[in-house]
Amino acid sequence: MSASENTNSNESSKDTTSEAQTQPTQNSLSLKDKVEVYTKTIGLFVTIGALIVTYCTYDAAQKWKKAEFTSLKVQDFRSNQAVRTVKSLLDYNEIKVSLNGKDTLRIKDKQLYETLRHHSEDGFFSDNEVLLRATFDEYFDQLGLFNRYAKAGLIKYDEMKPYLIYEIKIMCDTTNDRKHNDLREPRTTLFPPRSD
């Protein structure tokens, strides 16, 4: 081997040794770099945790606001005079009620059924029947608000069911024997057949 080959061989050995020595130092991180990586990782997890807590808190607050809204609307519904009158009429077979705020009338179920007949059967209604029908109209208008709230996503049907189910079952459920089926059965006096 010549001197130049020997020198080249020594230089390439030095390069390989030098590369081997520098390679581990390039792959290993300094303490400062390690601390920075750990700090950023911990910061990322803390941020994710904070976002989860914030979302859960927001979600709970929204549920509380919806429950509060439902409670307020049910309270408004129950405090309406027409609603209170209809609830009493549905709950009792005979009751004294005030339809115009002045006179007290005794209403029996038979009168209730006759009053709620369809106007096509007999277009004439007495003054008291007109007041009673107007009271039921107001009740159904107030009840219909809950449907609007549900369609708007402000209230779920399941949330309002406990407050409204008793009267609805009396009016609609044919297996409910609280009132005579004359109140519920689809007959000409209550629900005339459609002619279309």
C-alpha atoms as a PDB file:
ATOM      1  CA  MET A   1       0.000   0.000   0.000  1.00  0.00           C
ATOM      2  CA  SER A   2       1.250   3.344  -0.906  1.00  0.00           C
ATOM      3  CA  ALA A   3       1.418   6.265   1.441  1.00  0.00           C
ATOM      4  CA  SER A   4      -1.410   8.092  -0.329  1.00  0.00           C
ATOM      5  CA  GLU A   5      -3.676   5.037  -0.138  1.00  0.00           C
ATOM      6  CA  ASN A   6      -2.804   4.654   3.504  1.00  0.00           C
ATOM      7  CA  THR A   7      -3.628   8.307   4.114  1.00  0.00           C
ATOM      8  CA  ASN A   8      -6.943   7.963   2.265  1.00  0.00           C
ATOM      9  CA  SER A   9      -7.746   4.869   4.274  1.00  0.00           C
ATOM     10  CA  ASN A  10      -6.931   6.664   7.513  1.00  0.00           C
ATOM     11  CA  GLU A  11      -9.026   9.666   6.479  1.00  0.00           C
ATOM     12  CA  SER A  12     -12.011   7.467   5.587  1.00  0.00           C
ATOM     13  CA  SER A  13     -11.626   5.678   8.954  1.00  0.00           C
ATOM     14  CA  LYS A  14     -11.578   9.021  10.686  1.00  0.00           C
ATOM     15  CA  ASP A  15     -14.670  10.132   8.713  1.00  0.00           C
ATOM     16  CA  THR A  16     -16.534   6.959   9.653  1.00  0.00           C
ATOM     17  CA  THR A  17     -15.473   7.290  13.291  1.00  0.00           C
ATOM     18  CA  SER A  18     -16.334  10.966  13.270  1.00  0.00           C
ATOM     19  CA  GLU A  19     -19.768  10.257  11.682  1.00  0.00           C
ATOM     20  CA  ALA A  20     -20.431   7.506  14.212  1.00  0.00           C
ATOM     21  CA  GLN A  21     -19.581   9.837  17.056  1.00  0.00           C
ATOM     22  CA  THR A  22     -21.694  12.731  15.748  1.00  0.00           C
ATOM     23  CA  GLN A  23     -24.704  10.591  14.736  1.00  0.00           C
ATOM     24  CA  PRO A  24     -25.829   9.703  18.275  1.00  0.00           C
ATOM     25  CA  THR A  25     -25.526  13.351  19.263  1.00  0.00           C
ATOM     26  CA  GLN A  26     -27.746  14.411  16.343  1.00  0.00           C
ATOM     27  CA  ASN A  27     -30.417  11.816  17.338  1.00  0.00           C
ATOM     28  CA  SER A  28     -30.330  12.501  21.061  1.00  0.00           C
ATOM     29  CA  LEU A  29     -31.949  15.683  22.328  1.00  0.00           C
ATOM     30  CA  SER A  30     -30.405  18.040  24.727  1.00  0.00           C
ATOM     31  CA  LEU A  31     -32.042  18.488  28.098  1.00  0.00           C
ATOM     32  CA  LYS A  32     -33.369  21.868  26.996  1.00  0.00           C
ATOM     33  CA  ASP A  33     -34.997  20.309  23.890  1.00  0.00           C
ATOM     34  CA  LYS A  34     -36.506  17.487  25.953  1.00  0.00           C
ATOM     35  CA  VAL A  35     -38.016  19.950  28.406  1.00  0.00           C
ATOM     36  CA  GLU A  36     -39.461  21.949  25.504  1.00  0.00           C
ATOM     37  CA  VAL A  37     -41.043  18.824  23.906  1.00  0.00           C
ATOM     38  CA  TYR A  38     -42.507  17.688  27.244  1.00  0.00           C
ATOM     39  CA  THR A  39     -43.829  21.184  27.959  1.00  0.00           C
ATOM     40  CA  LYS A  40     -45.537  21.392  24.566  1.00  0.00           C
ATOM     41  CA  THR A  41     -47.026  17.894  24.977  1.00  0.00           C
ATOM     42  CA  ILE A  42     -48.348  18.688  28.443  1.00  0.00           C
ATOM     43  CA  GLY A  43     -49.698  22.011  27.148  1.00  0.00           C
ATOM     44  CA  LEU A  44     -51.524  20.192  24.359  1.00  0.00           C
ATOM     45  CA  PHE A  45     -53.169  17.769  26.812  1.00  0.00           C
ATOM     46  CA  VAL A  46     -54.105  20.602  29.183  1.00  0.00           C
ATOM     47  CA  THR A  47     -55.679  22.510  26.280  1.00  0.00           C
ATOM     48  CA  ILE A  48     -57.652  19.445  25.166  1.00  0.00           C
ATOM     49  CA  GLY A  49     -58.802  18.865  28.755  1.00  0.00           C
ATOM     50  CA  ALA A  50     -59.860  22.514  29.081  1.00  0.00           C
ATOM     51  CA  LEU A  51     -61.844  22.279  25.843  1.00  0.00           C
ATOM     52  CA  ILE A  52     -63.630  19.136  27.078  1.00  0.00           C
ATOM     53  CA  VAL A  53     -64.477  20.761  30.426  1.00  0.00           C
ATOM     54  CA  THR A  54     -65.699  23.904  28.647  1.00  0.00           C
ATOM     55  CA  TYR A  55     -67.913  21.883  26.308  1.00  0.00           C
ATOM     56  CA  CYS A  56     -69.377  19.850  29.178  1.00  0.00           C
ATOM     57  CA  THR A  57     -70.061  23.013  31.182  1.00  0.00           C
ATOM     58  CA  TYR A  58     -71.696  24.677  28.165  1.00  0.00           C
ATOM     59  CA  ASP A  59     -73.797  21.578  27.470  1.00  0.00           C
ATOM     60  CA  ALA A  60     -74.971  21.385  31.090  1.00  0.00           C
ATOM     61  CA  ALA A  61     -75.844  25.100  31.048  1.00  0.00           C
ATOM     62  CA  GLN A  62     -77.863  24.645  27.847  1.00  0.00           C
ATOM     63  CA  LYS A  63     -79.768  21.717  29.365  1.00  0.00           C
ATOM     64  CA  TRP A  64     -80.485  23.797  32.452  1.00  0.00           C
ATOM     65  CA  LYS A  65     -81.742  26.704  30.315  1.00  0.00           C
ATOM     66  CA  LYS A  66     -84.018  24.360  28.357  1.00  0.00           C
ATOM     67  CA  ALA A  67     -85.400  22.879  31.569  1.00  0.00           C
ATOM     68  CA  GLU A  68     -85.933  26.378  32.941  1.00  0.00           C
ATOM     69  CA  PHE A  69     -87.690  27.443  29.711  1.00  0.00           C
ATOM     70  CA  THR A  70     -89.935  24.355  29.816  1.00  0.00           C
ATOM     71  CA  SER A  71     -90.810  25.019  33.439  1.00  0.00           C
ATOM     72  CA  LEU A  72     -91.621  28.657  32.708  1.00  0.00           C
ATOM     73  CA  LYS A  73     -93.836  27.796  29.730  1.00  0.00           C
ATOM     74  CA  VAL A  74     -95.691  25.108  31.687  1.00  0.00           C
ATOM     75  CA  GLN A  75     -96.209  27.602  34.506  1.00  0.00           C
ATOM     76  CA  ASP A  76     -97.554  30.170  31.988  1.00  0.00           C
ATOM     77  CA  PHE A  77     -99.840  27.506  30.513  1.00  0.00           C
ATOM     78  CA  ARG A  78    -101.210  26.451  33.895  1.00  0.00           C
ATOM     79  CA  SER A  79    -101.790  30.027  35.048  1.00  0.00           C
ATOM     80  CA  ASN A  80    -104.013  30.827  32.042  1.00  0.00           C
ATOM     81  CA  GLN A  81    -107.655  31.114  33.170  1.00  0.00           C
ATOM     82  CA  ALA A  82    -109.023  29.220  30.150  1.00  0.00           C
ATOM     83  CA  VAL A  83    -106.552  26.386  30.716  1.00  0.00           C
ATOM     84  CA  ARG A  84    -107.512  26.127  34.387  1.00  0.00           C
ATOM     85  CA  THR A  85    -111.217  26.080  33.443  1.00  0.00           C
ATOM     86  CA  VAL A  86    -110.788  23.354  30.806  1.00  0.00           C
ATOM     87  CA  LYS A  87    -108.661  21.251  33.155  1.00  0.00           C
ATOM     88  CA  SER A  88    -111.459  21.459  35.740  1.00  0.00           C
ATOM     89  CA  LEU A  89    -114.123  20.632  33.154  1.00  0.00           C
ATOM     90  CA  LEU A  90    -112.163  17.577  32.068  1.00  0.00           C
ATOM     91  CA  ASP A  91    -111.395  16.484  35.597  1.00  0.00           C
ATOM     92  CA  TYR A  92    -114.954  16.647  36.979  1.00  0.00           C
ATOM     93  CA  ASN A  93    -118.254  15.280  35.704  1.00  0.00           C
ATOM     94  CA  GLU A  94    -120.101  18.278  37.066  1.00  0.00           C
ATOM     95  CA  ILE A  95    -118.536  21.537  38.193  1.00  0.00           C
ATOM     96  CA  LYS A  96    -119.272  25.191  38.724  1.00  0.00           C
ATOM     97  CA  VAL A  97    -117.087  27.412  36.559  1.00  0.00           C
ATOM     98  CA  SER A  98    -116.961  31.049  35.587  1.00  0.00           C
ATOM     99  CA  LEU A  99    -116.616  31.465  31.841  1.00  0.00           C
ATOM    100  CA  ASN A 100    -116.918  35.227  31.613  1.00  0.00           C
ATOM    101  CA  GLY A 101    -115.295  36.153  34.897  1.00  0.00           C
ATOM    102  CA  LYS A 102    -118.621  37.144  36.432  1.00  0.00           C
ATOM    103  CA  ASP A 103    -121.319  34.482  36.399  1.00  0.00           C
ATOM    104  CA  THR A 104    -120.804  31.003  37.765  1.00  0.00           C
ATOM    105  CA  LEU A 105    -122.325  28.188  35.739  1.00  0.00           C
ATOM    106  CA  ARG A 106    -122.827  24.556  36.613  1.00  0.00           C
ATOM    107  CA  ILE A 107    -121.550  22.446  33.695  1.00  0.00           C
ATOM    108  CA  LYS A 108    -122.262  18.739  33.406  1.00  0.00           C
ATOM    109  CA  ASP A 109    -120.582  16.332  31.000  1.00  0.00           C
ATOM    110  CA  LYS A 110    -123.674  16.154  28.783  1.00  0.00           C
ATOM    111  CA  GLN A 111    -123.609  19.937  28.351  1.00  0.00           C
ATOM    112  CA  LEU A 112    -119.907  19.769  27.605  1.00  0.00           C
ATOM    113  CA  TYR A 113    -120.425  17.175  24.856  1.00  0.00           C
ATOM    114  CA  GLU A 114    -123.284  19.176  23.340  1.00  0.00           C
ATOM    115  CA  THR A 115    -121.282  22.380  23.404  1.00  0.00           C
ATOM    116  CA  LEU A 116    -118.343  20.784  21.617  1.00  0.00           C
ATOM    117  CA  ARG A 117    -120.449  19.477  18.741  1.00  0.00           C
ATOM    118  CA  HIS A 118    -119.468  20.611  15.292  1.00  0.00           C
ATOM    119  CA  HIS A 119    -121.196  23.743  14.087  1.00  0.00           C
ATOM    120  CA  SER A 120    -122.397  21.990  10.916  1.00  0.00           C
ATOM    121  CA  GLU A 121    -124.792  19.884  13.029  1.00  0.00           C
ATOM    122  CA  ASP A 122    -126.602  22.810  14.483  1.00  0.00           C
ATOM    123  CA  GLY A 123    -125.238  26.277  13.818  1.00  0.00           C
ATOM    124  CA  PHE A 124    -126.965  27.749  16.856  1.00  0.00           C
ATOM    125  CA  PHE A 125    -125.138  28.012  20.158  1.00  0.00           C
ATOM    126  CA  SER A 126    -126.402  29.679  23.308  1.00  0.00           C
ATOM    127  CA  ASP A 127    -124.388  32.488  24.892  1.00  0.00           C
ATOM    128  CA  ASN A 128    -123.018  30.089  27.496  1.00  0.00           C
ATOM    129  CA  GLU A 129    -122.076  27.550  24.825  1.00  0.00           C
ATOM    130  CA  VAL A 130    -120.253  30.268  22.883  1.00  0.00           C
ATOM    131  CA  LEU A 131    -118.302  31.177  26.036  1.00  0.00           C
ATOM    132  CA  LEU A 132    -117.502  27.520  26.698  1.00  0.00           C
ATOM    133  CA  ARG A 133    -116.356  26.969  23.109  1.00  0.00           C
ATOM    134  CA  ALA A 134    -114.192  30.104  23.311  1.00  0.00           C
ATOM    135  CA  THR A 135    -112.644  28.745  26.512  1.00  0.00           C
ATOM    136  CA  PHE A 136    -111.745  25.491  24.755  1.00  0.00           C
ATOM    137  CA  ASP A 137    -110.398  27.443  21.769  1.00  0.00           C
ATOM    138  CA  GLU A 138    -108.100  29.384  24.108  1.00  0.00           C
ATOM    139  CA  TYR A 139    -107.032  26.119  25.773  1.00  0.00           C
ATOM    140  CA  PHE A 140    -106.122  24.562  22.423  1.00  0.00           C
ATOM    141  CA  ASP A 141    -104.308  27.725  21.315  1.00  0.00           C
ATOM    142  CA  GLN A 142    -102.218  27.621  24.497  1.00  0.00           C
ATOM    143  CA  LEU A 143    -101.621  23.883  24.092  1.00  0.00           C
ATOM    144  CA  GLY A 144    -100.546  24.435  20.480  1.00  0.00           C
ATOM    145  CA  LEU A 145     -97.726  26.685  21.631  1.00  0.00           C
ATOM    146  CA  PHE A 146     -95.937  23.620  23.005  1.00  0.00           C
ATOM    147  CA  ASN A 147     -95.954  22.095  19.529  1.00  0.00           C
ATOM    148  CA  ARG A 148     -94.318  25.247  18.156  1.00  0.00           C
ATOM    149  CA  TYR A 149     -91.690  25.147  20.890  1.00  0.00           C
ATOM    150  CA  ALA A 150     -90.977  21.494  20.109  1.00  0.00           C
ATOM    151  CA  LYS A 151     -90.680  22.139  16.367  1.00  0.00           C
ATOM    152  CA  ALA A 152     -88.277  25.007  17.080  1.00  0.00           C
ATOM    153  CA  GLY A 153     -86.156  22.671  19.220  1.00  0.00           C
ATOM    154  CA  LEU A 154     -86.765  24.657  22.401  1.00  0.00           C
ATOM    155  CA  ILE A 155     -88.614  21.830  24.151  1.00  0.00           C
ATOM    156  CA  LYS A 156     -88.654  18.082  23.570  1.00  0.00           C
ATOM    157  CA  TYR A 157     -91.987  16.253  23.603  1.00  0.00           C
ATOM    158  CA  ASP A 158     -90.745  13.984  26.391  1.00  0.00           C
ATOM    159  CA  GLU A 159     -90.004  17.026  28.566  1.00  0.00           C
ATOM    160  CA  MET A 160     -93.546  18.398  28.378  1.00  0.00           C
ATOM    161  CA  LYS A 161     -95.384  15.077  28.436  1.00  0.00           C
ATOM    162  CA  PRO A 162     -95.632  14.772  32.246  1.00  0.00           C
ATOM    163  CA  TYR A 163     -97.335  18.173  32.443  1.00  0.00           C
ATOM    164  CA  LEU A 164     -99.885  17.636  29.668  1.00  0.00           C
ATOM    165  CA  ILE A 165    -100.587  13.916  29.426  1.00  0.00           C
ATOM    166  CA  TYR A 166    -103.496  13.740  31.887  1.00  0.00           C
ATOM    167  CA  GLU A 167    -105.830  16.054  29.979  1.00  0.00           C
ATOM    168  CA  ILE A 168    -104.684  14.803  26.581  1.00  0.00           C
ATOM    169  CA  LYS A 169    -105.485  11.226  27.556  1.00  0.00           C
ATOM    170  CA  ILE A 170    -108.942  12.286  28.742  1.00  0.00           C
ATOM    171  CA  MET A 171    -109.616  13.954  25.396  1.00  0.00           C
ATOM    172  CA  CYS A 172    -107.943  11.481  23.042  1.00  0.00           C
ATOM    173  CA  ASP A 173    -107.364   8.035  24.544  1.00  0.00           C
ATOM    174  CA  THR A 174    -110.396   5.813  23.886  1.00  0.00           C
ATOM    175  CA  THR A 175    -109.231   3.394  26.584  1.00  0.00           C
ATOM    176  CA  ASN A 176    -109.345   6.165  29.210  1.00  0.00           C
ATOM    177  CA  ASP A 177    -112.679   5.924  31.015  1.00  0.00           C
ATOM    178  CA  ARG A 178    -112.475   9.288  32.797  1.00  0.00           C
ATOM    179  CA  LYS A 179    -114.998  10.777  30.362  1.00  0.00           C
ATOM    180  CA  HIS A 180    -117.592   9.204  28.127  1.00  0.00           C
ATOM    181  CA  ASN A 181    -116.372   8.277  24.663  1.00  0.00           C
ATOM    182  CA  ASP A 182    -118.688  10.934  23.243  1.00  0.00           C
ATOM    183  CA  LEU A 183    -115.861  13.320  23.971  1.00  0.00           C
ATOM    184  CA  ARG A 184    -113.308  11.251  22.010  1.00  0.00           C
ATOM    185  CA  GLU A 185    -115.049   9.218  19.352  1.00  0.00           C
ATOM    186  CA  PRO A 186    -114.716  10.561  15.840  1.00  0.00           C
ATOM    187  CA  ARG A 187    -118.356  11.264  15.222  1.00  0.00           C
ATOM    188  CA  THR A 188    -120.186  13.912  13.300  1.00  0.00           C
ATOM    189  CA  THR A 189    -120.854  16.032  16.355  1.00  0.00           C
ATOM    190  CA  LEU A 190    -117.192  16.458  17.178  1.00  0.00           C
ATOM    191  CA  PHE A 191    -115.308  15.594  14.012  1.00  0.00           C
ATOM    192  CA  PRO A 192    -117.371  15.733  10.848  1.00  0.00           C
ATOM    193  CA  PRO A 193    -116.253  13.469   8.024  1.00  0.00           C
ATOM    194  CA  ARG A 194    -114.121  15.182   5.401  1.00  0.00           C
ATOM    195  CA  SER A 195    -115.803  15.675   2.071  1.00  0.00           C
ATOM    196  CA  ASP A 196    -112.673  15.768  -0.101  1.00  0.00           C
END
